[in-house]
């Protein structure tokens, strides 16, 4: 395609300017060091050149037409944020006001030894001593050193309370309750692990993971309770220290025996990892794009619980927000945070492998979204989400453990046919289903309803034939949470016996376990629960309607309102 004389002049002029600009940058750059403004300006100039060179008859590909919606932080926009509704915190790093040079992420040398993350309950004394030494050195570093433990802990405060705005926008950046939950935390502990190893000169050092999803790991590991070690932390609930069994679906303390709690935990893990996580969004969280209009607020199964539940279970009951682990701004101050999130990271790998990577997100806006972390060499690194999908390329893997929860598919608490008959009878006679239960025949009746008592709503189920590989999903939409207390309610389908409310029974569809905060502002939350397998087991997959019960389990549910409940299909 021939260019007109004017366009040739414009193209040559801009090419000359680009050459000058490149030479100027060369004097600023060293070892691939970049500055945040440089890339944006280069893209602008190249974009103009591309547009002029193509002209109105040029060929434009679909990729060139696509407006990027990838997310990234504006590192100079840091500001105080709310750790609790009554607590303004300032986690901003020193000197954030000026743009800092950065390098793009490079994978470690594939010839380097693979770091193997092992379960905490299986590590030996030599490993504990090595880790203790590395963590002690990290804690001794001054705050102005980004490798210091205080700065490492502040990363979670920065990115998880809305302290940063997005690039090219004044929209706050939020990690939790979106599809960035897994990759961002993977980045954080990846760099944390490598810094620890470098402080003791050990290229093979790997973080341990707290395997709370298997019976051997369902107590706080002993190494974190030794008050003479660097792992010890005072801001924990002392009633939950060993030998207390962890409650993966924590609401309040129970009198369950260790054996019963373990069985309950395993059944809960089956729902969160298997039957309730058969589609990408259900496990990973909602699709979050750039700008205010691109924000979403919809967590995945594992983030809700055990993640949120265990954060709350560990945090101190003596603090207003169960700090440190009970709040986003303070959680990473507790050394157990890193073992907790190593297990979360491992479960992401388990889920990916279970689906043979077929459910991996391929959206370029997710893959191209990026964040910044300091590495072990004190370099600020820009790392994209697409860089951290493969753990082997990142140079680490997990020691495998047996997963008994895979075989914990629950059974109905009552014969399904009997349950449906009883529900129809109660509907016909306009009787209450459970004590203090409000029964509505229309989704509209739930709008704006406070969840101060259990709520049962009839939901239309079978309005079209489910296509192959589609998942039926219960959507509790428009959830609004006021106040600052931990909120939890459970969701059941076709429940007729109020004494059989447990993840051990098939009627359990999932849970809403919510830690307020996270930089989401007042954005309402959508809870999505996959129920195709559940409906099959309850013999209700072909029924015209089902009964969905929302059962509040914390007093703070009186501060919760919902917009409604509906059924949806997800491919």
Protein backbone atom coordinates (compact mmCIF):
# COMPACT_ATOMS: atom_id res chain seq x y z
CA UNK A 1 0.00 0.00 0.00
CA UNK A 2 1.46 3.36 -1.03
CA UNK A 3 1.63 6.23 1.43
CA UNK A 4 0.90 9.80 0.46
CA UNK A 5 3.68 12.45 0.72
CA UNK A 6 2.22 13.95 3.91
CA UNK A 7 2.05 10.64 5.64
CA UNK A 8 5.62 9.80 4.57
CA UNK A 9 6.81 13.06 6.14
CA UNK A 10 4.82 12.41 9.32
CA UNK A 11 6.14 8.87 9.55
CA UNK A 12 9.78 9.93 9.08
CA UNK A 13 9.36 12.74 11.63
CA UNK A 14 7.96 10.41 14.26
CA UNK A 15 10.61 7.81 13.49
CA UNK A 16 13.28 10.47 14.12
CA UNK A 17 11.64 11.47 17.39
CA UNK A 18 11.45 7.84 18.41
CA UNK A 19 15.16 7.43 17.70
CA UNK A 20 15.99 10.43 19.92
CA UNK A 21 13.69 9.09 22.62
CA UNK A 22 15.34 5.65 22.48
CA UNK A 23 18.83 7.12 22.78
CA UNK A 24 17.68 9.15 25.79
CA UNK A 25 16.28 6.07 27.45
CA UNK A 26 19.47 4.17 26.74
CA UNK A 27 21.32 6.59 28.97
CA UNK A 28 18.81 5.86 31.76
CA UNK A 29 18.62 2.14 31.32
CA UNK A 30 20.98 -0.51 32.55
CA UNK A 31 20.53 -4.28 32.63
CA UNK A 32 16.99 -3.97 31.20
CA UNK A 33 16.01 -1.38 33.81
CA UNK A 34 12.90 0.53 32.79
CA UNK A 35 10.86 3.44 34.05
CA UNK A 36 7.08 3.37 34.25
CA UNK A 37 6.58 6.38 31.95
CA UNK A 38 8.88 4.98 29.25
CA UNK A 39 6.76 2.07 28.16
CA UNK A 40 3.59 4.16 27.98
CA UNK A 41 5.23 6.85 25.82
CA UNK A 42 6.81 4.28 23.51
CA UNK A 43 3.45 2.56 23.04
CA UNK A 44 1.83 5.90 22.21
CA UNK A 45 4.42 6.74 19.53
CA UNK A 46 4.35 3.27 18.02
CA UNK A 47 0.57 3.35 18.03
CA UNK A 48 0.56 6.60 16.05
CA UNK A 49 3.08 5.21 13.58
CA UNK A 50 1.03 2.05 13.13
CA UNK A 51 -2.17 3.99 12.54
CA UNK A 52 -0.62 6.33 9.98
CA UNK A 53 1.23 3.60 8.15
CA UNK A 54 -1.91 1.48 7.78
CA UNK A 55 -4.16 4.26 6.57
CA UNK A 56 -7.88 3.81 6.10
CA UNK A 57 -7.39 0.90 3.68
CA UNK A 58 -4.86 -0.95 5.87
CA UNK A 59 -5.51 -4.35 7.36
CA UNK A 60 -6.22 -4.26 11.10
CA UNK A 61 -6.22 -7.56 12.96
CA UNK A 62 -8.66 -8.45 15.73
CA UNK A 63 -5.76 -8.26 18.19
CA UNK A 64 -4.89 -4.72 17.16
CA UNK A 65 -8.53 -3.67 17.60
CA UNK A 66 -8.83 -5.17 21.07
CA UNK A 67 -8.65 -2.59 23.80
CA UNK A 68 -6.59 -3.96 26.63
CA UNK A 69 -8.30 -4.27 29.99
CA UNK A 70 -5.34 -5.68 31.88
CA UNK A 71 -4.85 -4.42 35.43
CA UNK A 72 -1.72 -3.00 37.05
CA UNK A 73 -0.91 -0.70 39.98
CA UNK A 74 0.07 2.94 39.79
CA UNK A 75 3.02 2.73 42.17
CA UNK A 76 3.12 6.48 42.77
CA UNK A 77 -0.54 6.62 43.83
CA UNK A 78 -0.09 5.01 47.25
CA UNK A 79 -2.29 6.45 49.99
CA UNK A 80 -3.56 5.50 53.44
CA UNK A 81 -6.29 2.85 53.41
CA UNK A 82 -8.69 1.32 55.87
CA UNK A 83 -7.49 -1.78 57.70
CA UNK A 84 -10.82 -1.77 59.50
CA UNK A 85 -13.73 0.59 59.08
CA UNK A 86 -12.49 2.45 62.16
CA UNK A 87 -8.75 2.20 61.44
CA UNK A 88 -6.85 4.14 58.79
CA UNK A 89 -3.44 2.58 58.09
CA UNK A 90 -0.47 3.81 56.06
CA UNK A 91 1.49 0.95 54.51
CA UNK A 92 3.12 2.98 51.74
CA UNK A 93 6.81 2.26 51.13
CA UNK A 94 9.46 4.97 51.52
CA UNK A 95 9.90 7.18 48.46
CA UNK A 96 6.83 5.91 46.61
CA UNK A 97 6.09 9.39 45.22
CA UNK A 98 8.81 9.12 42.54
CA UNK A 99 8.78 6.55 39.71
CA UNK A 100 11.28 3.78 40.36
CA UNK A 101 13.27 1.80 37.78
CA UNK A 102 12.16 -1.80 37.31
CA UNK A 103 13.05 -4.88 35.32
CA UNK A 104 10.70 -7.33 33.68
CA UNK A 105 10.46 -10.76 35.23
CA UNK A 106 12.82 -13.45 34.01
CA UNK A 107 12.32 -17.14 34.78
CA UNK A 108 15.03 -18.71 36.93
CA UNK A 109 17.67 -20.80 35.18
CA UNK A 110 15.99 -24.12 34.32
CA UNK A 111 19.26 -25.85 35.23
CA UNK A 112 18.99 -24.58 38.81
CA UNK A 113 17.87 -27.09 41.46
CA UNK A 114 14.11 -27.36 41.82
CA UNK A 115 12.90 -26.02 45.15
CA UNK A 116 10.62 -28.59 46.81
CA UNK A 117 7.99 -27.28 49.20
CA UNK A 118 7.22 -29.86 51.87
CA UNK A 119 4.36 -30.10 54.40
CA UNK A 120 5.28 -28.45 57.70
CA UNK A 121 4.39 -31.52 59.73
CA UNK A 122 7.01 -33.54 57.80
CA UNK A 123 10.04 -31.20 58.00
CA UNK A 124 12.99 -32.09 60.23
CA UNK A 125 14.97 -30.16 62.85
CA UNK A 126 17.70 -29.16 60.38
CA UNK A 127 15.19 -27.55 58.07
CA UNK A 128 13.46 -25.72 60.93
CA UNK A 129 16.81 -24.35 62.12
CA UNK A 130 17.67 -23.18 58.60
CA UNK A 131 14.32 -21.49 58.11
CA UNK A 132 14.50 -19.95 61.60
CA UNK A 133 17.90 -18.44 60.76
CA UNK A 134 16.68 -17.00 57.45
CA UNK A 135 13.58 -15.50 59.01
CA UNK A 136 15.60 -14.04 61.92
CA UNK A 137 17.90 -12.29 59.45
CA UNK A 138 14.92 -10.99 57.48
CA UNK A 139 13.35 -9.62 60.68
CA UNK A 140 16.62 -7.86 61.55
CA UNK A 141 16.76 -5.90 58.29
CA UNK A 142 15.80 -2.21 58.52
CA UNK A 143 12.43 -1.08 57.23
CA UNK A 144 13.94 0.85 54.31
CA UNK A 145 15.20 -2.49 52.94
CA UNK A 146 12.36 -3.98 50.84
CA UNK A 147 13.56 -7.47 51.78
CA UNK A 148 12.83 -6.82 55.47
CA UNK A 149 10.02 -8.72 57.13
CA UNK A 150 8.12 -5.52 57.88
CA UNK A 151 8.15 -4.54 54.21
CA UNK A 152 7.23 -8.06 53.14
CA UNK A 153 4.26 -8.00 55.51
CA UNK A 154 3.22 -4.58 54.23
CA UNK A 155 2.88 -5.93 50.69
CA UNK A 156 -0.35 -7.61 51.71
CA UNK A 157 -1.56 -4.38 53.29
CA UNK A 158 -0.71 -2.41 50.15
CA UNK A 159 -2.34 -4.62 47.56
CA UNK A 160 -5.21 -5.97 49.64
CA UNK A 161 -6.70 -2.86 51.26
CA UNK A 162 -6.95 -0.56 48.24
CA UNK A 163 -3.81 1.48 48.98
CA UNK A 164 -2.91 1.63 45.27
CA UNK A 165 -4.95 2.96 42.38
CA UNK A 166 -4.84 1.27 39.00
CA UNK A 167 -2.62 2.58 36.25
CA UNK A 168 -4.29 5.27 34.13
CA UNK A 169 -7.27 5.34 36.48
CA UNK A 170 -8.31 6.50 39.91
CA UNK A 171 -10.08 3.18 40.45
CA UNK A 172 -8.70 1.35 43.48
CA UNK A 173 -6.78 -1.86 42.97
CA UNK A 174 -8.17 -4.86 44.82
CA UNK A 175 -6.80 -8.42 44.87
CA UNK A 176 -9.28 -10.32 46.99
CA UNK A 177 -12.63 -11.68 45.78
CA UNK A 178 -11.43 -11.64 42.15
CA UNK A 179 -9.49 -13.85 39.74
CA UNK A 180 -6.23 -12.24 40.98
CA UNK A 181 -6.47 -13.91 44.38
CA UNK A 182 -4.41 -16.97 43.43
CA UNK A 183 -1.76 -15.45 41.12
CA UNK A 184 -1.01 -12.40 43.26
CA UNK A 185 -0.40 -14.47 46.40
CA UNK A 186 1.73 -16.86 44.34
CA UNK A 187 3.91 -13.92 43.31
CA UNK A 188 4.20 -12.68 46.87
CA UNK A 189 5.39 -15.93 48.42
CA UNK A 190 7.59 -16.72 45.38
CA UNK A 191 9.72 -13.63 45.98
CA UNK A 192 9.51 -14.04 49.76
CA UNK A 193 10.90 -17.57 49.43
CA UNK A 194 13.79 -16.53 47.22
CA UNK A 195 14.73 -13.66 49.52
CA UNK A 196 14.83 -16.02 52.50
CA UNK A 197 17.06 -18.44 50.59
CA UNK A 198 19.45 -15.69 49.52
CA UNK A 199 19.83 -14.45 53.10
CA UNK A 200 21.37 -17.80 54.07
CA UNK A 201 23.02 -18.53 50.72
CA UNK A 202 20.79 -21.52 49.93
CA UNK A 203 19.52 -21.78 46.33
CA UNK A 204 17.40 -24.80 47.23
CA UNK A 205 15.52 -23.24 50.13
CA UNK A 206 11.77 -23.66 49.84
CA UNK A 207 8.91 -22.53 52.04
CA UNK A 208 6.92 -25.22 53.83
CA UNK A 209 3.18 -25.53 53.37
CA UNK A 210 0.67 -26.03 56.15
CA UNK A 211 -1.33 -29.02 54.89
CA UNK A 212 -4.51 -28.28 56.83
CA UNK A 213 -6.57 -30.20 54.27
CA UNK A 214 -5.26 -33.60 55.40
CA UNK A 215 -5.66 -35.17 58.87
CA UNK A 216 -1.93 -35.06 59.73
CA UNK A 217 -1.83 -31.31 59.17
CA UNK A 218 -5.05 -30.16 60.85
CA UNK A 219 -3.38 -28.48 63.83
CA UNK A 220 -1.17 -25.40 64.00
CA UNK A 221 2.35 -26.79 63.41
CA UNK A 222 4.53 -27.00 66.51
CA UNK A 223 7.30 -24.86 65.03
CA UNK A 224 4.98 -21.83 65.12
CA UNK A 225 4.33 -22.23 68.86
CA UNK A 226 7.98 -22.21 70.00
CA UNK A 227 8.31 -18.86 71.77
CA UNK A 228 12.10 -18.83 71.37
CA UNK A 229 11.92 -19.02 67.57
CA UNK A 230 11.31 -16.39 64.91
CA UNK A 231 8.07 -18.21 63.94
CA UNK A 232 6.38 -17.35 67.22
CA UNK A 233 3.66 -14.70 67.15
CA UNK A 234 1.59 -13.41 70.04
CA UNK A 235 -1.45 -12.26 68.04
CA UNK A 236 -3.13 -15.66 67.80
CA UNK A 237 -6.16 -17.22 69.43
CA UNK A 238 -4.59 -19.19 72.29
CA UNK A 239 -7.59 -21.53 72.46
CA UNK A 240 -6.74 -22.73 68.95
CA UNK A 241 -3.15 -23.73 69.65
CA UNK A 242 -2.21 -27.44 69.56
CA UNK A 243 -3.71 -29.90 70.10
CA UNK A 244 -6.87 -28.10 68.92
CA UNK A 245 -8.00 -29.33 65.49
CA UNK A 246 -8.42 -26.59 62.89
CA UNK A 247 -11.94 -25.80 61.73
CA UNK A 248 -11.84 -25.21 57.97
CA UNK A 249 -15.41 -23.90 58.01
CA UNK A 250 -14.96 -21.82 61.16
CA UNK A 251 -17.84 -19.94 62.73
CA UNK A 252 -17.27 -20.24 66.46
CA UNK A 253 -15.77 -22.81 68.79
CA UNK A 254 -17.49 -26.18 68.97
CA UNK A 255 -17.27 -29.22 71.19
CA UNK A 256 -16.55 -31.63 68.37
CA UNK A 257 -14.04 -34.39 68.99
CA UNK A 258 -10.87 -34.30 66.86
CA UNK A 259 -12.18 -37.25 64.85
CA UNK A 260 -15.53 -35.57 64.12
CA UNK A 261 -13.83 -32.28 63.22
CA UNK A 262 -11.49 -34.07 60.81
CA UNK A 263 -14.43 -35.82 59.12
CA UNK A 264 -16.25 -32.51 58.83
CA UNK A 265 -13.16 -30.83 57.36
CA UNK A 266 -12.69 -33.55 54.74
CA UNK A 267 -16.32 -33.37 53.65
CA UNK A 268 -16.03 -29.59 53.42
CA UNK A 269 -12.87 -29.85 51.30
CA UNK A 270 -14.71 -32.13 48.86
CA UNK A 271 -17.33 -29.46 48.29
CA UNK A 272 -14.82 -26.59 47.94
CA UNK A 273 -12.36 -28.44 45.69
CA UNK A 274 -14.52 -30.88 43.74
CA UNK A 275 -18.30 -30.59 43.45
CA UNK A 276 -18.45 -26.83 43.97
CA UNK A 277 -15.43 -26.00 41.82
CA UNK A 278 -16.15 -27.58 38.45
CA UNK A 279 -15.90 -24.32 36.50
CA UNK A 280 -13.14 -21.73 36.38
CA UNK A 281 -15.02 -18.78 37.87
CA UNK A 282 -16.36 -20.89 40.72
CA UNK A 283 -12.83 -21.72 41.85
CA UNK A 284 -10.75 -18.75 40.70
CA UNK A 285 -13.15 -15.89 41.38
CA UNK A 286 -14.84 -13.34 39.15
CA UNK A 287 -13.48 -11.63 36.03
CA UNK A 288 -11.79 -8.35 36.98
CA UNK A 289 -10.87 -5.85 34.27
CA UNK A 290 -9.28 -2.39 34.32
CA UNK A 291 -11.19 0.70 35.36
CA UNK A 292 -14.12 1.27 37.67
CA UNK A 293 -16.51 -0.39 35.26
CA UNK A 294 -14.33 -3.50 35.11
CA UNK A 295 -14.38 -4.25 38.83
CA UNK A 296 -16.13 -7.32 40.19
CA UNK A 297 -16.70 -8.70 43.68
CA UNK A 298 -17.17 -12.46 43.55
CA UNK A 299 -14.81 -14.82 45.41
CA UNK A 300 -14.07 -18.42 44.53
CA UNK A 301 -14.68 -21.45 46.75
CA UNK A 302 -11.24 -21.77 48.38
CA UNK A 303 -10.87 -18.06 49.03
CA UNK A 304 -14.14 -18.03 50.95
CA UNK A 305 -13.16 -21.04 53.01
CA UNK A 306 -10.86 -22.53 54.14
CA UNK A 307 -8.88 -19.36 53.33
CA UNK A 308 -11.02 -16.72 55.06
CA UNK A 309 -12.23 -19.12 57.72
CA UNK A 310 -8.71 -20.09 58.81
CA UNK A 311 -7.47 -16.50 58.77
CA UNK A 312 -10.24 -15.77 61.26
CA UNK A 313 -9.69 -18.97 63.27
CA UNK A 314 -5.99 -18.15 63.82
CA UNK A 315 -6.36 -14.44 64.62
CA UNK A 316 -6.58 -13.30 68.22
CA UNK A 317 -10.04 -13.06 69.77
CA UNK A 318 -8.66 -10.25 71.96
CA UNK A 319 -8.36 -7.87 69.01
CA UNK A 320 -11.35 -6.07 67.43
CA UNK A 321 -10.71 -7.53 63.97
CA UNK A 322 -9.08 -10.75 65.20
CA UNK A 323 -5.72 -9.31 64.14
CA UNK A 324 -3.23 -10.20 62.99
CA UNK A 325 -4.40 -13.00 60.70
CA UNK A 326 -8.04 -11.91 60.89
CA UNK A 327 -7.57 -8.73 58.83
CA UNK A 328 -5.97 -8.14 55.44
CA UNK A 329 -3.84 -5.19 56.56
CA UNK A 330 -2.11 -7.18 59.32
CA UNK A 331 -2.32 -10.83 58.23
CA UNK A 332 1.20 -11.14 56.77
CA UNK A 333 2.78 -10.01 60.05
CA UNK A 334 2.23 -13.56 61.32
CA UNK A 335 4.85 -15.99 59.94
CA UNK A 336 2.19 -18.70 59.64
CA UNK A 337 0.61 -16.61 56.86
CA UNK A 338 3.26 -17.84 54.42
CA UNK A 339 2.73 -21.54 55.17
CA UNK A 340 -1.04 -20.99 54.98
CA UNK A 341 -0.76 -19.38 51.56
CA UNK A 342 1.74 -21.95 50.34
CA UNK A 343 -1.03 -24.51 50.88
CA UNK A 344 -3.54 -22.28 49.08
CA UNK A 345 -1.04 -22.12 46.21
CA UNK A 346 -0.62 -25.89 46.27
CA UNK A 347 -4.39 -26.40 46.09
CA UNK A 348 -4.48 -24.23 42.97
CA UNK A 349 -2.03 -26.69 41.43
CA UNK A 350 -4.10 -29.65 42.63
CA UNK A 351 -7.21 -28.15 41.02
CA UNK A 352 -5.38 -27.40 37.76
CA UNK A 353 -4.02 -30.93 37.57
CA UNK A 354 -7.42 -32.45 38.37
CA UNK A 355 -8.83 -30.69 35.31
CA UNK A 356 -5.68 -31.33 33.23
CA UNK A 357 -5.17 -27.55 32.84
CA UNK A 358 -8.28 -27.40 30.65
CA UNK A 359 -9.90 -24.80 32.92
CA UNK A 360 -6.89 -22.47 33.00
CA UNK A 361 -7.77 -18.86 32.22
CA UNK A 362 -6.73 -17.85 28.70
CA UNK A 363 -8.05 -14.29 28.72
CA UNK A 364 -5.12 -12.02 27.66
CA UNK A 365 -6.31 -9.33 30.06
CA UNK A 366 -5.70 -11.72 32.96
CA UNK A 367 -2.42 -13.02 31.56
CA UNK A 368 -1.09 -9.49 30.86
CA UNK A 369 -2.09 -7.97 34.20
CA UNK A 370 0.96 -7.23 36.31
CA UNK A 371 2.26 -6.33 39.74
CA UNK A 372 5.59 -5.24 41.22
CA UNK A 373 7.77 -7.02 43.78
CA UNK A 374 11.35 -6.66 44.95
CA UNK A 375 13.54 -9.71 44.37
CA UNK A 376 16.45 -11.09 46.36
CA UNK A 377 18.84 -8.73 44.52
CA UNK A 378 16.92 -5.59 45.54
CA UNK A 379 15.57 -5.11 42.04
CA UNK A 380 11.99 -3.99 41.52
CA UNK A 381 10.44 -6.57 39.20
CA UNK A 382 7.34 -6.23 37.05
CA UNK A 383 5.77 -9.67 36.86
CA UNK A 384 2.74 -10.60 34.78
CA UNK A 385 0.08 -13.07 35.79
CA UNK A 386 1.00 -15.14 32.74
CA UNK A 387 4.52 -15.50 34.16
CA UNK A 388 3.36 -17.41 37.23
CA UNK A 389 0.95 -20.02 35.90
CA UNK A 390 3.57 -22.80 35.65
CA UNK A 391 5.32 -23.59 38.95
CA UNK A 392 8.03 -25.71 37.28
CA UNK A 393 9.09 -22.72 35.17
CA UNK A 394 9.18 -20.76 38.42
CA UNK A 395 11.59 -23.33 39.81
CA UNK A 396 9.53 -24.98 42.53
CA UNK A 397 7.08 -27.81 43.11
CA UNK A 398 5.20 -29.46 45.95
CA UNK A 399 5.86 -32.72 47.69
CA UNK A 400 2.74 -34.78 47.13
CA UNK A 401 0.51 -35.92 49.99
CA UNK A 402 -2.49 -38.22 50.10
CA UNK A 403 -5.78 -36.36 49.64
CA UNK A 404 -8.53 -38.30 51.45
CA UNK A 405 -11.11 -35.57 50.81
CA UNK A 406 -11.31 -36.72 47.18
CA UNK A 407 -13.39 -39.69 48.37
CA UNK A 408 -15.70 -37.76 50.70
CA UNK A 409 -18.70 -37.25 48.41
CA UNK A 410 -21.57 -36.70 50.86
CA UNK A 411 -24.95 -38.43 50.92
CA UNK A 412 -28.36 -36.82 51.43
CA UNK A 413 -29.49 -36.45 55.05
CA UNK A 414 -32.98 -37.66 54.06
CA UNK A 415 -34.30 -39.76 51.17
CA UNK A 416 -34.63 -37.28 48.28
CA UNK A 417 -38.16 -38.34 47.29
CA UNK A 418 -39.39 -37.96 50.85
CA UNK A 419 -37.74 -34.56 51.12
CA UNK A 420 -39.43 -33.27 47.98
CA UNK A 421 -42.82 -34.53 49.15
CA UNK A 422 -42.42 -32.80 52.50
CA UNK A 423 -41.36 -29.55 50.87
CA UNK A 424 -44.37 -29.58 48.54
CA UNK A 425 -46.68 -30.25 51.46
CA UNK A 426 -45.24 -27.38 53.47
CA UNK A 427 -45.54 -25.08 50.48
CA UNK A 428 -49.14 -26.06 49.96
CA UNK A 429 -50.06 -25.50 53.59
CA UNK A 430 -48.04 -22.28 53.81
CA UNK A 431 -46.15 -23.57 56.82
CA UNK A 432 -42.76 -22.37 57.90
CA UNK A 433 -39.98 -24.67 56.79
CA UNK A 434 -37.67 -24.11 59.75
CA UNK A 435 -38.02 -22.22 63.01
CA UNK A 436 -37.87 -18.48 62.28
CA UNK A 437 -37.65 -19.14 58.51
CA UNK A 438 -39.19 -16.77 56.01
CA UNK A 439 -40.50 -18.66 52.96
CA UNK A 440 -41.04 -16.66 49.78
CA UNK A 441 -42.54 -17.85 46.55
CA UNK A 442 -40.78 -15.18 44.57
CA UNK A 443 -37.19 -14.05 44.31
CA UNK A 444 -38.43 -10.46 44.52
CA UNK A 445 -39.52 -11.04 48.12
CA UNK A 446 -35.87 -11.39 49.16
CA UNK A 447 -34.76 -8.01 47.79
CA UNK A 448 -33.07 -5.97 50.49
CA UNK A 449 -33.88 -8.52 53.16
CA UNK A 450 -31.65 -8.56 56.23
CA UNK A 451 -30.27 -12.00 56.96
CA UNK A 452 -31.08 -11.85 60.68
CA UNK A 453 -32.79 -15.24 60.49
CA UNK A 454 -32.65 -18.18 58.13
CA UNK A 455 -34.22 -17.49 54.77
CA UNK A 456 -35.70 -20.07 52.44
CA UNK A 457 -36.66 -19.14 48.91
CA UNK A 458 -38.16 -21.18 46.10
CA UNK A 459 -35.93 -20.88 43.04
CA UNK A 460 -36.88 -21.84 39.51
CA UNK A 461 -34.52 -24.61 38.47
CA UNK A 462 -35.44 -26.33 35.24
CA UNK A 463 -36.40 -23.76 32.60
CA UNK A 464 -34.29 -25.25 29.81
CA UNK A 465 -32.26 -28.36 29.13
CA UNK A 466 -28.75 -28.17 30.48
CA UNK A 467 -26.21 -28.39 27.71
CA UNK A 468 -23.21 -30.67 27.87
CA UNK A 469 -20.45 -29.42 30.20
CA UNK A 470 -22.66 -26.68 31.60
CA UNK A 471 -22.81 -26.23 35.36
CA UNK A 472 -25.93 -25.24 37.26
CA UNK A 473 -25.08 -22.45 39.67
CA UNK A 474 -27.01 -20.92 42.55
CA UNK A 475 -26.34 -17.17 42.60
CA UNK A 476 -26.94 -15.23 45.80
CA UNK A 477 -26.57 -11.79 44.33
CA UNK A 478 -26.36 -8.26 45.64
CA UNK A 479 -24.92 -9.21 49.03
CA UNK A 480 -24.24 -6.07 51.04
CA UNK A 481 -22.23 -6.27 54.26
CA UNK A 482 -22.18 -3.47 56.81
CA UNK A 483 -19.89 -3.29 59.80
CA UNK A 484 -16.47 -4.79 60.31
CA UNK A 485 -17.11 -8.21 61.86
CA UNK A 486 -16.46 -11.58 60.23
CA UNK A 487 -19.64 -12.67 58.42
CA UNK A 488 -20.67 -16.21 57.60
CA UNK A 489 -23.78 -17.92 56.30
CA UNK A 490 -24.24 -21.34 54.74
CA UNK A 491 -26.41 -22.34 51.78
CA UNK A 492 -28.50 -25.51 51.59
CA UNK A 493 -30.78 -27.04 48.97
CA UNK A 494 -34.04 -28.90 49.78
CA UNK A 495 -33.26 -28.94 53.49
CA UNK A 496 -35.99 -30.45 55.69
CA UNK A 497 -34.18 -31.34 58.92
CA UNK A 498 -32.74 -28.42 60.85
CA UNK A 499 -30.69 -30.81 62.97
CA UNK A 500 -28.78 -32.07 59.95
CA UNK A 501 -27.05 -28.92 58.82
CA UNK A 502 -23.49 -29.87 57.98
CA UNK A 503 -21.11 -30.15 55.02
CA UNK A 504 -21.24 -33.89 55.72
CA UNK A 505 -24.69 -33.94 54.10
CA UNK A 506 -25.44 -33.51 50.41
CA UNK A 507 -27.89 -30.66 50.99
CA UNK A 508 -24.95 -28.37 51.80
CA UNK A 509 -24.24 -26.22 48.72
CA UNK A 510 -21.52 -23.92 50.04
CA UNK A 511 -20.67 -21.06 52.33
CA UNK A 512 -20.21 -17.31 52.39
CA UNK A 513 -17.27 -16.57 54.72
CA UNK A 514 -16.41 -12.89 54.52
CA UNK A 515 -13.60 -10.78 55.96
CA UNK A 516 -14.68 -7.14 55.49
CA UNK A 517 -12.23 -4.84 53.77
CA UNK A 518 -9.97 -5.59 50.86
CA UNK A 519 -10.34 -2.26 49.09
CA UNK A 520 -13.68 -3.18 47.51
CA UNK A 521 -15.48 -0.16 48.88
CA UNK A 522 -19.26 -0.55 48.95
CA UNK A 523 -19.42 -2.83 45.93
CA UNK A 524 -22.01 -5.57 46.46
CA UNK A 525 -20.91 -9.19 46.33
CA UNK A 526 -22.18 -12.10 44.26
CA UNK A 527 -21.86 -15.61 45.66
CA UNK A 528 -21.86 -18.37 43.04
CA UNK A 529 -22.17 -22.02 44.06
CA UNK A 530 -21.91 -24.90 41.59
CA UNK A 531 -24.67 -27.42 42.28
CA UNK A 532 -24.99 -29.78 39.30
CA UNK A 533 -23.59 -32.77 41.19
CA UNK A 534 -25.57 -31.83 44.30
CA UNK A 535 -28.85 -31.70 42.36
CA UNK A 536 -28.13 -35.07 40.78
CA UNK A 537 -27.51 -36.62 44.21
CA UNK A 538 -30.72 -35.06 45.57
CA UNK A 539 -32.58 -36.32 42.46
CA UNK A 540 -33.68 -32.73 41.88
CA UNK A 541 -31.79 -31.89 38.69
CA UNK A 542 -34.99 -32.18 36.60
CA UNK A 543 -37.32 -30.54 39.12
CA UNK A 544 -39.05 -27.34 38.08
CA UNK A 545 -38.04 -25.61 41.32
CA UNK A 546 -35.79 -26.15 44.31
CA UNK A 547 -35.76 -24.71 47.81
CA UNK A 548 -32.65 -22.73 48.74
CA UNK A 549 -32.00 -21.96 52.41
CA UNK A 550 -29.58 -19.26 53.58
CA UNK A 551 -28.60 -20.10 57.14
CA UNK A 552 -26.84 -17.32 59.10
CA UNK A 553 -24.13 -18.68 61.40
CA UNK A 554 -22.63 -15.45 62.83
CA UNK A 555 -24.49 -12.69 64.73
CA UNK A 556 -23.03 -10.20 62.22
CA UNK A 557 -25.42 -11.58 59.57
CA UNK A 558 -27.96 -9.10 60.95
CA UNK A 559 -25.85 -6.50 59.09
CA UNK A 560 -26.17 -8.38 55.80
CA UNK A 561 -28.79 -7.82 53.11
CA UNK A 562 -29.20 -9.73 49.86
CA UNK A 563 -30.62 -8.75 46.51
CA UNK A 564 -32.00 -12.17 45.62
CA UNK A 565 -31.36 -15.79 44.71
CA UNK A 566 -31.48 -17.25 41.23
CA UNK A 567 -30.24 -20.15 39.15
CA UNK A 568 -27.71 -19.67 36.35
CA UNK A 569 -25.84 -21.82 33.84
CA UNK A 570 -22.05 -21.56 33.43
CA UNK A 571 -20.20 -23.17 30.55
